[in-house]
Amino acid sequence: MEDLELDYRRGLKDGIPIALGYFSVSTAFGLIAVDSGCTAVEALFISMFNVTSAGQFAGVTILASMGTYIEMALAQFLINARYALMAISLSQKINDKFRGVKRLALATFITDEIFAVAIGQDDEVSAAYYGGLSTLPWFGWAGGTFFGAVLGNIMPDILSTSLSIALYGMFIAIVVPPAKANFKVLIAVAIAIACSCILFYVPVFDGVSSGFAIIISAVIASAIGALLFPVDDEDGGDAA
């Protein structure tokens, strides 16, 4: 029991910077949700049950334009499909006691930042650690949404606009340190960036959505990384 408590506290500590970043980004979402016709309570419920920034921003845009259910479903599938890859990868990192209902929590709270922190742990990820890691970011995301929805009208325009880029800065801060420390990680990140730029700037790929672009870039970078830097089972079989 003591080990579980320590794991949970360690997760809480690691989740603090994510929660702070989520609060600022979700404040921007709260602003946009209310401007799109949602009430503050509706915006809060959206963030409480959908911890996905791009998906939520796209969702309220579709709501505001009176889009169909099919458009909403397809948009959410395309934008959030990358989380399936993250879940598969993270399922190889969790310990044997992380089973059943606990895995539902893993699926619910997988975000880019939480995944990056969890997958970067040296040891196996326990349910207690993952629960702690997810707790404060969830409160930060929901709380920031409500704050933006209720108090957004009194915030200066320059402040509310700047909040929308906070998530990207936070994610860069998570990726850069391991890339600097490990040349193999740096190569994989560089490949992913190159693929993303090609998909974004080359006209022939104009029809590729941002969600699929992320998936394609991640798969290509992972495949090339696996080919260039295969893991020796005898030396690092548990490094999944």
C-alpha atoms as a PDB file:
ATOM      1  CA  MET A   1       0.000   0.000   0.000  1.00  0.00           C
ATOM      2  CA  GLU A   2       2.863   2.358   0.803  1.00  0.00           C
ATOM      3  CA  ASP A   3       4.420   1.720  -2.613  1.00  0.00           C
ATOM      4  CA  LEU A   4       1.115   2.548  -4.299  1.00  0.00           C
ATOM      5  CA  GLU A   5       0.882   5.804  -2.383  1.00  0.00           C
ATOM      6  CA  LEU A   6       4.433   6.722  -3.331  1.00  0.00           C
ATOM      7  CA  ASP A   7       3.734   5.917  -6.987  1.00  0.00           C
ATOM      8  CA  TYR A   8       0.583   8.037  -6.930  1.00  0.00           C
ATOM      9  CA  ARG A   9       2.404  10.974  -5.359  1.00  0.00           C
ATOM     10  CA  ARG A  10       5.204  10.670  -7.910  1.00  0.00           C
ATOM     11  CA  GLY A  11       2.600  10.733 -10.664  1.00  0.00           C
ATOM     12  CA  LEU A  12       0.957  13.807  -9.151  1.00  0.00           C
ATOM     13  CA  LYS A  13       4.298  15.595  -9.102  1.00  0.00           C
ATOM     14  CA  ASP A  14       5.066  14.715 -12.723  1.00  0.00           C
ATOM     15  CA  GLY A  15       1.592  15.892 -13.743  1.00  0.00           C
ATOM     16  CA  ILE A  16       1.939  19.407 -12.328  1.00  0.00           C
ATOM     17  CA  PRO A  17       3.558  21.029 -15.401  1.00  0.00           C
ATOM     18  CA  ILE A  18       1.062  19.282 -17.688  1.00  0.00           C
ATOM     19  CA  ALA A  19      -1.839  20.564 -15.574  1.00  0.00           C
ATOM     20  CA  LEU A  20      -0.531  24.130 -15.716  1.00  0.00           C
ATOM     21  CA  GLY A  21      -0.201  23.949 -19.487  1.00  0.00           C
ATOM     22  CA  TYR A  22      -3.638  22.394 -19.864  1.00  0.00           C
ATOM     23  CA  PHE A  23      -5.237  25.110 -17.749  1.00  0.00           C
ATOM     24  CA  SER A  24      -4.036  27.836 -20.092  1.00  0.00           C
ATOM     25  CA  VAL A  25      -4.936  25.957 -23.285  1.00  0.00           C
ATOM     26  CA  SER A  26      -8.379  24.904 -22.052  1.00  0.00           C
ATOM     27  CA  THR A  27      -9.070  28.501 -21.074  1.00  0.00           C
ATOM     28  CA  ALA A  28      -8.835  29.285 -24.770  1.00  0.00           C
ATOM     29  CA  PHE A  29     -11.176  26.369 -25.476  1.00  0.00           C
ATOM     30  CA  GLY A  30     -13.687  27.727 -22.969  1.00  0.00           C
ATOM     31  CA  LEU A  31     -13.622  31.068 -24.753  1.00  0.00           C
ATOM     32  CA  ILE A  32     -14.190  29.484 -28.160  1.00  0.00           C
ATOM     33  CA  ALA A  33     -16.880  27.098 -26.902  1.00  0.00           C
ATOM     34  CA  VAL A  34     -18.962  29.942 -25.494  1.00  0.00           C
ATOM     35  CA  ASP A  35     -18.443  32.014 -28.645  1.00  0.00           C
ATOM     36  CA  SER A  36     -19.666  28.982 -30.632  1.00  0.00           C
ATOM     37  CA  GLY A  37     -22.946  28.872 -28.723  1.00  0.00           C
ATOM     38  CA  CYS A  38     -22.214  26.548 -25.779  1.00  0.00           C
ATOM     39  CA  THR A  39     -23.063  27.479 -22.218  1.00  0.00           C
ATOM     40  CA  ALA A  40     -20.337  27.459 -19.573  1.00  0.00           C
ATOM     41  CA  VAL A  41     -21.701  24.211 -18.114  1.00  0.00           C
ATOM     42  CA  GLU A  42     -21.813  22.551 -21.539  1.00  0.00           C
ATOM     43  CA  ALA A  43     -18.219  23.597 -22.206  1.00  0.00           C
ATOM     44  CA  LEU A  44     -17.207  22.197 -18.828  1.00  0.00           C
ATOM     45  CA  PHE A  45     -18.904  18.845 -19.525  1.00  0.00           C
ATOM     46  CA  ILE A  46     -17.181  18.606 -22.907  1.00  0.00           C
ATOM     47  CA  SER A  47     -13.772  18.946 -21.257  1.00  0.00           C
ATOM     48  CA  MET A  48     -14.631  16.641 -18.366  1.00  0.00           C
ATOM     49  CA  PHE A  49     -15.478  13.753 -20.696  1.00  0.00           C
ATOM     50  CA  ASN A  50     -13.244  14.500 -23.699  1.00  0.00           C
ATOM     51  CA  VAL A  51      -9.646  15.220 -22.791  1.00  0.00           C
ATOM     52  CA  THR A  52      -8.533  16.021 -26.326  1.00  0.00           C
ATOM     53  CA  SER A  53      -7.589  19.521 -27.369  1.00  0.00           C
ATOM     54  CA  ALA A  54      -7.681  19.266 -31.170  1.00  0.00           C
ATOM     55  CA  GLY A  55     -10.800  17.103 -31.080  1.00  0.00           C
ATOM     56  CA  GLN A  56     -12.675  19.549 -28.863  1.00  0.00           C
ATOM     57  CA  PHE A  57     -11.685  22.613 -30.869  1.00  0.00           C
ATOM     58  CA  ALA A  58     -12.801  20.851 -34.052  1.00  0.00           C
ATOM     59  CA  GLY A  59     -15.977  19.662 -32.331  1.00  0.00           C
ATOM     60  CA  VAL A  60     -17.207  23.093 -31.287  1.00  0.00           C
ATOM     61  CA  THR A  61     -16.394  24.406 -34.758  1.00  0.00           C
ATOM     62  CA  ILE A  62     -18.658  21.736 -36.255  1.00  0.00           C
ATOM     63  CA  LEU A  63     -21.337  22.527 -33.678  1.00  0.00           C
ATOM     64  CA  ALA A  64     -21.182  26.218 -34.518  1.00  0.00           C
ATOM     65  CA  SER A  65     -21.562  25.486 -38.241  1.00  0.00           C
ATOM     66  CA  MET A  66     -24.520  23.155 -37.607  1.00  0.00           C
ATOM     67  CA  GLY A  67     -22.584  20.169 -38.921  1.00  0.00           C
ATOM     68  CA  THR A  68     -24.007  16.655 -39.077  1.00  0.00           C
ATOM     69  CA  TYR A  69     -23.366  13.772 -36.714  1.00  0.00           C
ATOM     70  CA  ILE A  70     -21.433  12.022 -39.478  1.00  0.00           C
ATOM     71  CA  GLU A  71     -19.133  15.015 -39.885  1.00  0.00           C
ATOM     72  CA  MET A  72     -18.561  15.107 -36.154  1.00  0.00           C
ATOM     73  CA  ALA A  73     -17.844  11.364 -35.952  1.00  0.00           C
ATOM     74  CA  LEU A  74     -15.426  11.400 -38.892  1.00  0.00           C
ATOM     75  CA  ALA A  75     -13.615  14.482 -37.617  1.00  0.00           C
ATOM     76  CA  GLN A  76     -13.161  12.993 -34.150  1.00  0.00           C
ATOM     77  CA  PHE A  77     -12.006   9.663 -35.572  1.00  0.00           C
ATOM     78  CA  LEU A  78      -9.404  11.253 -37.834  1.00  0.00           C
ATOM     79  CA  ILE A  79      -8.100  13.682 -35.227  1.00  0.00           C
ATOM     80  CA  ASN A  80      -7.969  11.210 -32.337  1.00  0.00           C
ATOM     81  CA  ALA A  81      -6.907   8.029 -34.143  1.00  0.00           C
ATOM     82  CA  ARG A  82      -3.308   8.604 -33.055  1.00  0.00           C
ATOM     83  CA  TYR A  83      -4.296   7.768 -29.485  1.00  0.00           C
ATOM     84  CA  ALA A  84      -4.828   4.159 -30.560  1.00  0.00           C
ATOM     85  CA  LEU A  85      -1.141   3.960 -31.462  1.00  0.00           C
ATOM     86  CA  MET A  86      -0.191   5.542 -28.158  1.00  0.00           C
ATOM     87  CA  ALA A  87      -2.374   3.069 -26.252  1.00  0.00           C
ATOM     88  CA  ILE A  88      -0.767   0.100 -28.019  1.00  0.00           C
ATOM     89  CA  SER A  89       2.690   1.419 -27.235  1.00  0.00           C
ATOM     90  CA  LEU A  90       1.868   2.249 -23.624  1.00  0.00           C
ATOM     91  CA  SER A  91       0.258  -1.149 -23.076  1.00  0.00           C
ATOM     92  CA  GLN A  92       3.752  -2.635 -23.448  1.00  0.00           C
ATOM     93  CA  LYS A  93       5.079  -0.332 -20.738  1.00  0.00           C
ATOM     94  CA  ILE A  94       2.559  -0.928 -17.934  1.00  0.00           C
ATOM     95  CA  ASN A  95       3.072  -3.571 -15.242  1.00  0.00           C
ATOM     96  CA  ASP A  96       1.145  -6.815 -14.797  1.00  0.00           C
ATOM     97  CA  LYS A  97      -1.227  -5.356 -12.169  1.00  0.00           C
ATOM     98  CA  PHE A  98      -2.489  -2.689 -14.571  1.00  0.00           C
ATOM     99  CA  ARG A  99      -5.528  -4.638 -15.810  1.00  0.00           C
ATOM    100  CA  GLY A 100      -9.281  -4.568 -16.417  1.00  0.00           C
ATOM    101  CA  VAL A 101     -11.109  -1.393 -15.470  1.00  0.00           C
ATOM    102  CA  LYS A 102      -7.805   0.338 -14.812  1.00  0.00           C
ATOM    103  CA  ARG A 103      -7.023   0.105 -18.507  1.00  0.00           C
ATOM    104  CA  LEU A 104     -10.190   2.039 -19.263  1.00  0.00           C
ATOM    105  CA  ALA A 105      -8.656   4.914 -17.331  1.00  0.00           C
ATOM    106  CA  LEU A 106      -5.478   4.555 -19.367  1.00  0.00           C
ATOM    107  CA  ALA A 107      -7.492   4.809 -22.573  1.00  0.00           C
ATOM    108  CA  THR A 108      -9.555   7.752 -21.311  1.00  0.00           C
ATOM    109  CA  PHE A 109      -6.627   9.873 -20.151  1.00  0.00           C
ATOM    110  CA  ILE A 110      -4.108   9.244 -22.896  1.00  0.00           C
ATOM    111  CA  THR A 111      -3.009  12.596 -24.276  1.00  0.00           C
ATOM    112  CA  ASP A 112       0.164  13.535 -26.131  1.00  0.00           C
ATOM    113  CA  GLU A 113       1.776  14.956 -23.009  1.00  0.00           C
ATOM    114  CA  ILE A 114       0.663  12.285 -20.538  1.00  0.00           C
ATOM    115  CA  PHE A 115       1.781   9.600 -22.990  1.00  0.00           C
ATOM    116  CA  ALA A 116       5.190  11.240 -23.440  1.00  0.00           C
ATOM    117  CA  VAL A 117       5.820  11.417 -19.696  1.00  0.00           C
ATOM    118  CA  ALA A 118       4.546   7.871 -19.027  1.00  0.00           C
ATOM    119  CA  ILE A 119       6.435   6.224 -21.884  1.00  0.00           C
ATOM    120  CA  GLY A 120       9.603   8.041 -20.833  1.00  0.00           C
ATOM    121  CA  GLN A 121       9.697   6.376 -17.406  1.00  0.00           C
ATOM    122  CA  ASP A 122      12.686   4.119 -16.790  1.00  0.00           C
ATOM    123  CA  ASP A 123      10.604   1.533 -14.925  1.00  0.00           C
ATOM    124  CA  GLU A 124       7.256  -0.074 -15.695  1.00  0.00           C
ATOM    125  CA  VAL A 125       4.240   2.190 -15.277  1.00  0.00           C
ATOM    126  CA  SER A 126       1.893   1.227 -12.448  1.00  0.00           C
ATOM    127  CA  ALA A 127      -1.809   2.042 -12.263  1.00  0.00           C
ATOM    128  CA  ALA A 128      -1.135   4.222  -9.215  1.00  0.00           C
ATOM    129  CA  TYR A 129       1.524   6.263 -11.019  1.00  0.00           C
ATOM    130  CA  TYR A 130      -0.635   6.671 -14.119  1.00  0.00           C
ATOM    131  CA  GLY A 131      -3.604   7.671 -11.965  1.00  0.00           C
ATOM    132  CA  GLY A 132      -1.531  10.336 -10.256  1.00  0.00           C
ATOM    133  CA  LEU A 133      -0.095  11.519 -13.555  1.00  0.00           C
ATOM    134  CA  SER A 134      -3.618  11.938 -14.990  1.00  0.00           C
ATOM    135  CA  THR A 135      -5.339  13.546 -11.989  1.00  0.00           C
ATOM    136  CA  LEU A 136      -4.042  17.106 -12.025  1.00  0.00           C
ATOM    137  CA  PRO A 137      -4.056  17.448 -15.838  1.00  0.00           C
ATOM    138  CA  TRP A 138      -7.735  16.427 -15.833  1.00  0.00           C
ATOM    139  CA  PHE A 139      -8.581  19.046 -13.209  1.00  0.00           C
ATOM    140  CA  GLY A 140      -6.446  21.589 -15.056  1.00  0.00           C
ATOM    141  CA  TRP A 141      -8.196  20.895 -18.355  1.00  0.00           C
ATOM    142  CA  ALA A 142     -11.710  21.019 -16.902  1.00  0.00           C
ATOM    143  CA  GLY A 143     -10.957  23.951 -14.600  1.00  0.00           C
ATOM    144  CA  GLY A 144      -9.349  26.022 -17.334  1.00  0.00           C
ATOM    145  CA  THR A 145     -12.335  25.427 -19.594  1.00  0.00           C
ATOM    146  CA  PHE A 146     -14.767  26.664 -16.969  1.00  0.00           C
ATOM    147  CA  PHE A 147     -12.540  29.648 -16.198  1.00  0.00           C
ATOM    148  CA  GLY A 148     -12.389  30.630 -19.854  1.00  0.00           C
ATOM    149  CA  ALA A 149     -16.100  30.096 -20.373  1.00  0.00           C
ATOM    150  CA  VAL A 150     -17.114  32.213 -17.365  1.00  0.00           C
ATOM    151  CA  LEU A 151     -14.423  34.891 -17.224  1.00  0.00           C
ATOM    152  CA  GLY A 152     -13.222  35.019 -20.806  1.00  0.00           C
ATOM    153  CA  ASN A 153     -15.156  38.151 -21.662  1.00  0.00           C
ATOM    154  CA  ILE A 154     -13.112  40.259 -19.265  1.00  0.00           C
ATOM    155  CA  MET A 155      -9.712  38.995 -20.481  1.00  0.00           C
ATOM    156  CA  PRO A 156      -7.669  41.155 -22.904  1.00  0.00           C
ATOM    157  CA  ASP A 157      -7.744  39.869 -26.499  1.00  0.00           C
ATOM    158  CA  ILE A 158      -3.957  39.541 -26.652  1.00  0.00           C
ATOM    159  CA  LEU A 159      -3.973  37.258 -23.600  1.00  0.00           C
ATOM    160  CA  SER A 160      -6.799  35.015 -24.790  1.00  0.00           C
ATOM    161  CA  THR A 161      -5.144  34.660 -28.214  1.00  0.00           C
ATOM    162  CA  SER A 162      -1.747  33.777 -26.768  1.00  0.00           C
ATOM    163  CA  LEU A 163      -3.233  30.982 -24.660  1.00  0.00           C
ATOM    164  CA  SER A 164      -3.994  28.935 -27.780  1.00  0.00           C
ATOM    165  CA  ILE A 165      -0.304  28.259 -28.480  1.00  0.00           C
ATOM    166  CA  ALA A 166       0.611  27.171 -24.953  1.00  0.00           C
ATOM    167  CA  LEU A 167      -0.025  23.471 -25.663  1.00  0.00           C
ATOM    168  CA  TYR A 168       2.546  23.401 -28.453  1.00  0.00           C
ATOM    169  CA  GLY A 169       5.195  25.022 -26.288  1.00  0.00           C
ATOM    170  CA  MET A 170       4.508  22.517 -23.508  1.00  0.00           C
ATOM    171  CA  PHE A 171       4.812  19.556 -25.858  1.00  0.00           C
ATOM    172  CA  ILE A 172       8.106  20.875 -27.243  1.00  0.00           C
ATOM    173  CA  ALA A 173       9.394  21.155 -23.683  1.00  0.00           C
ATOM    174  CA  ILE A 174       8.593  17.458 -23.155  1.00  0.00           C
ATOM    175  CA  VAL A 175      10.190  16.232 -26.400  1.00  0.00           C
ATOM    176  CA  VAL A 176      13.381  18.300 -26.483  1.00  0.00           C
ATOM    177  CA  PRO A 177      15.172  16.997 -23.321  1.00  0.00           C
ATOM    178  CA  PRO A 178      15.095  13.270 -24.302  1.00  0.00           C
ATOM    179  CA  ALA A 179      16.012  14.214 -27.874  1.00  0.00           C
ATOM    180  CA  LYS A 180      19.071  16.086 -26.579  1.00  0.00           C
ATOM    181  CA  ALA A 181      20.058  13.224 -24.307  1.00  0.00           C
ATOM    182  CA  ASN A 182      19.614  10.391 -26.831  1.00  0.00           C
ATOM    183  CA  PHE A 183      20.806  10.621 -30.440  1.00  0.00           C
ATOM    184  CA  LYS A 184      18.408   7.849 -31.515  1.00  0.00           C
ATOM    185  CA  VAL A 185      15.431   9.791 -30.177  1.00  0.00           C
ATOM    186  CA  LEU A 186      16.697  12.903 -31.967  1.00  0.00           C
ATOM    187  CA  ILE A 187      16.835  11.031 -35.285  1.00  0.00           C
ATOM    188  CA  ALA A 188      13.291   9.693 -34.830  1.00  0.00           C
ATOM    189  CA  VAL A 189      11.997  13.180 -33.954  1.00  0.00           C
ATOM    190  CA  ALA A 190      13.778  14.680 -36.983  1.00  0.00           C
ATOM    191  CA  ILE A 191      12.217  12.056 -39.273  1.00  0.00           C
ATOM    192  CA  ALA A 192       8.763  12.754 -37.858  1.00  0.00           C
ATOM    193  CA  ILE A 193       9.241  16.510 -38.357  1.00  0.00           C
ATOM    194  CA  ALA A 194      10.409  15.965 -41.945  1.00  0.00           C
ATOM    195  CA  CYS A 195       7.397  13.770 -42.720  1.00  0.00           C
ATOM    196  CA  SER A 196       5.032  16.279 -41.159  1.00  0.00           C
ATOM    197  CA  CYS A 197       6.514  19.135 -43.212  1.00  0.00           C
ATOM    198  CA  ILE A 198       6.221  17.121 -46.423  1.00  0.00           C
ATOM    199  CA  LEU A 199       2.588  16.279 -45.731  1.00  0.00           C
ATOM    200  CA  PHE A 200       1.815  19.903 -44.909  1.00  0.00           C
ATOM    201  CA  TYR A 201       3.721  21.770 -47.638  1.00  0.00           C
ATOM    202  CA  VAL A 202       3.742  19.430 -50.658  1.00  0.00           C
ATOM    203  CA  PRO A 203       0.567  20.178 -52.672  1.00  0.00           C
ATOM    204  CA  VAL A 204      -0.094  16.540 -53.601  1.00  0.00           C
ATOM    205  CA  PHE A 205      -0.815  15.806 -49.917  1.00  0.00           C
ATOM    206  CA  ASP A 206      -3.347  18.611 -49.468  1.00  0.00           C
ATOM    207  CA  GLY A 207      -6.137  16.098 -48.932  1.00  0.00           C
ATOM    208  CA  VAL A 208      -4.433  14.483 -45.918  1.00  0.00           C
ATOM    209  CA  SER A 209      -6.047  15.652 -42.688  1.00  0.00           C
ATOM    210  CA  SER A 210      -3.992  16.823 -39.733  1.00  0.00           C
ATOM    211  CA  GLY A 211      -5.016  13.748 -37.748  1.00  0.00           C
ATOM    212  CA  PHE A 212      -3.862  11.341 -40.436  1.00  0.00           C
ATOM    213  CA  ALA A 213      -0.700  13.400 -40.980  1.00  0.00           C
ATOM    214  CA  ILE A 214       0.245  12.851 -37.342  1.00  0.00           C
ATOM    215  CA  ILE A 215      -0.406   9.110 -37.629  1.00  0.00           C
ATOM    216  CA  ILE A 216       1.563   8.768 -40.873  1.00  0.00           C
ATOM    217  CA  SER A 217       4.506  10.754 -39.508  1.00  0.00           C
ATOM    218  CA  ALA A 218       4.585   8.721 -36.280  1.00  0.00           C
ATOM    219  CA  VAL A 219       4.401   5.372 -38.079  1.00  0.00           C
ATOM    220  CA  ILE A 220       7.123   6.272 -40.580  1.00  0.00           C
ATOM    221  CA  ALA A 221       9.425   7.680 -37.883  1.00  0.00           C
ATOM    222  CA  SER A 222       8.873   4.654 -35.651  1.00  0.00           C
ATOM    223  CA  ALA A 223       9.438   2.177 -38.492  1.00  0.00           C
ATOM    224  CA  ILE A 224      12.643   3.850 -39.673  1.00  0.00           C
ATOM    225  CA  GLY A 225      13.844   4.166 -36.078  1.00  0.00           C
ATOM    226  CA  ALA A 226      13.203   0.464 -35.486  1.00  0.00           C
ATOM    227  CA  LEU A 227      15.135  -0.437 -38.649  1.00  0.00           C
ATOM    228  CA  LEU A 228      18.071   1.856 -37.875  1.00  0.00           C
ATOM    229  CA  PHE A 229      18.259   1.161 -34.156  1.00  0.00           C
ATOM    230  CA  PRO A 230      16.909  -2.335 -33.424  1.00  0.00           C
ATOM    231  CA  VAL A 231      16.648  -3.317 -29.760  1.00  0.00           C
ATOM    232  CA  ASP A 232      18.676  -6.330 -28.680  1.00  0.00           C
ATOM    233  CA  ASP A 233      16.352  -8.579 -26.632  1.00  0.00           C
ATOM    234  CA  GLU A 234      19.236  -9.696 -24.455  1.00  0.00           C
ATOM    235  CA  ASP A 235      20.396  -6.168 -23.676  1.00  0.00           C
ATOM    236  CA  GLY A 236      17.172  -4.194 -23.683  1.00  0.00           C
ATOM    237  CA  GLY A 237      14.168  -6.402 -24.142  1.00  0.00           C
ATOM    238  CA  ASP A 238      12.187  -4.407 -21.598  1.00  0.00           C
ATOM    239  CA  ALA A 239      12.781  -1.098 -23.310  1.00  0.00           C
ATOM    240  CA  ALA A 240       9.502  -1.172 -25.250  1.00  0.00           C
END
